[in-house]
Amino acid sequence: RLPGQQQELNSLMQRKSAVNEENARLKNEFGNLNRKFKDKSQELKDTEECAQKKEEQNRLVIKNLEEENKGLNICCADLLSDLEKLRKQEAEWKKEKSGNDTRIK
């Protein structure tokens, strides 16, 4: 009876040892996966921060371009107004010249 119990005890000890080895392997694998997860989480955080910075830069560029466009629109409106005044002045001068030419003849 004692040798049977000893054999059973040895068998249980071997199973315990195998389970301990498996646990150690799984802990190691878990540690590696956990590290990878933390690395990927940091990478995601960095990527999100970079995307936010780019978005903010894009907003600033758009705002600056809109302001520049507004200034250019005002400048164009002023130039068109000046052009219209010059055309009117040209028409008046042509009328005057025509009148003067008629009087000279």
Protein backbone atom coordinates (compact mmCIF):
# COMPACT_ATOMS: atom_id res chain seq x y z
CA ARG A 1 0.00 0.00 0.00
CA LEU A 2 2.81 2.41 0.83
CA PRO A 3 4.57 1.98 -2.53
CA GLY A 4 1.25 2.73 -4.30
CA GLN A 5 0.79 5.89 -2.28
CA GLN A 6 4.41 6.85 -2.94
CA GLN A 7 3.86 6.35 -6.67
CA GLU A 8 0.65 8.40 -6.54
CA LEU A 9 2.50 11.11 -4.59
CA ASN A 10 5.30 11.11 -7.17
CA SER A 11 2.73 11.37 -9.95
CA LEU A 12 1.00 14.29 -8.20
CA MET A 13 4.38 16.01 -7.68
CA GLN A 14 5.17 15.63 -11.38
CA ARG A 15 1.78 17.07 -12.32
CA LYS A 16 2.32 19.92 -9.85
CA SER A 17 5.72 20.59 -11.40
CA ALA A 18 4.21 20.53 -14.91
CA VAL A 19 1.44 22.90 -13.79
CA ASN A 20 4.01 25.23 -12.19
CA GLU A 21 6.03 25.26 -15.42
CA GLU A 22 2.89 25.98 -17.44
CA ASN A 23 1.96 28.78 -15.01
CA ALA A 24 5.44 30.27 -15.33
CA ARG A 25 5.22 30.07 -19.14
CA LEU A 26 1.76 31.68 -19.11
CA LYS A 27 2.92 34.42 -16.72
CA ASN A 28 5.84 35.14 -19.01
CA GLU A 29 3.56 35.20 -22.06
CA PHE A 30 1.12 37.45 -20.19
CA GLY A 31 3.97 39.79 -19.25
CA ASN A 32 5.07 39.98 -22.89
CA LEU A 33 1.52 40.62 -24.07
CA ASN A 34 1.02 43.22 -21.35
CA ARG A 35 4.21 45.02 -22.45
CA LYS A 36 3.07 44.94 -26.07
CA PHE A 37 -0.33 46.27 -25.00
CA LYS A 38 1.29 49.14 -23.08
CA ASP A 39 3.56 49.90 -26.05
CA LYS A 40 0.61 49.92 -28.44
CA SER A 41 -1.43 52.04 -26.03
CA GLN A 42 1.39 54.59 -25.85
CA GLU A 43 1.77 54.47 -29.63
CA LEU A 44 -1.96 55.12 -30.01
CA LYS A 45 -1.80 57.99 -27.51
CA ASP A 46 1.18 59.50 -29.36
CA THR A 47 -0.62 59.11 -32.69
CA GLU A 48 -3.75 60.76 -31.31
CA GLU A 49 -1.69 63.65 -29.91
CA CYS A 50 0.06 64.05 -33.25
CA ALA A 51 -3.29 64.00 -35.07
CA GLN A 52 -4.66 66.65 -32.70
CA LYS A 53 -1.60 68.85 -33.29
CA LYS A 54 -1.95 68.44 -37.05
CA GLU A 55 -5.66 69.25 -36.79
CA GLU A 56 -4.88 72.40 -34.80
CA GLN A 57 -2.20 73.40 -37.31
CA ASN A 58 -4.67 72.83 -40.15
CA ARG A 59 -7.28 74.97 -38.36
CA LEU A 60 -4.73 77.76 -37.95
CA VAL A 61 -3.68 77.51 -41.61
CA ILE A 62 -7.34 77.62 -42.70
CA LYS A 63 -8.03 80.59 -40.41
CA ASN A 64 -4.98 82.45 -41.78
CA LEU A 65 -5.97 81.66 -45.37
CA GLU A 66 -9.52 82.83 -44.72
CA GLU A 67 -8.21 86.09 -43.25
CA GLU A 68 -5.85 86.53 -46.19
CA ASN A 69 -8.70 85.76 -48.59
CA LYS A 70 -10.87 88.34 -46.85
CA GLY A 71 -8.11 90.94 -47.27
CA LEU A 72 -7.67 90.01 -50.93
CA ASN A 73 -11.43 90.27 -51.50
CA ILE A 74 -11.41 93.77 -50.00
CA CYS A 75 -8.40 94.69 -52.15
CA CYS A 76 -10.14 93.33 -55.28
CA ALA A 77 -13.32 95.25 -54.46
CA ASP A 78 -11.27 98.44 -54.05
CA LEU A 79 -9.47 97.81 -57.34
CA LEU A 80 -12.77 97.18 -59.14
CA SER A 81 -14.15 100.39 -57.68
CA ASP A 82 -11.05 102.27 -58.83
CA LEU A 83 -11.35 100.68 -62.28
CA GLU A 84 -14.98 101.74 -62.54
CA LYS A 85 -14.05 105.33 -61.56
CA LEU A 86 -11.27 105.34 -64.16
CA ARG A 87 -13.65 104.07 -66.86
CA LYS A 88 -16.12 106.81 -66.00
CA GLN A 89 -13.31 109.36 -66.07
CA GLU A 90 -12.13 107.96 -69.42
CA ALA A 91 -15.64 108.26 -70.83
CA GLU A 92 -15.86 111.87 -69.61
CA TRP A 93 -12.48 112.71 -71.15
CA LYS A 94 -13.50 111.11 -74.45
CA LYS A 95 -16.67 113.22 -74.40
CA GLU A 96 -14.65 116.34 -73.61
CA LYS A 97 -12.11 115.52 -76.33
CA SER A 98 -14.86 114.87 -78.84
CA GLY A 99 -16.45 118.21 -77.91
CA ASN A 100 -13.11 119.96 -78.16
CA ASP A 101 -12.37 118.28 -81.50
CA THR A 102 -15.77 119.37 -82.79
CA ARG A 103 -15.17 122.96 -81.65
CA ILE A 104 -11.69 122.99 -83.22
CA LYS A 105 -13.08 121.84 -86.58
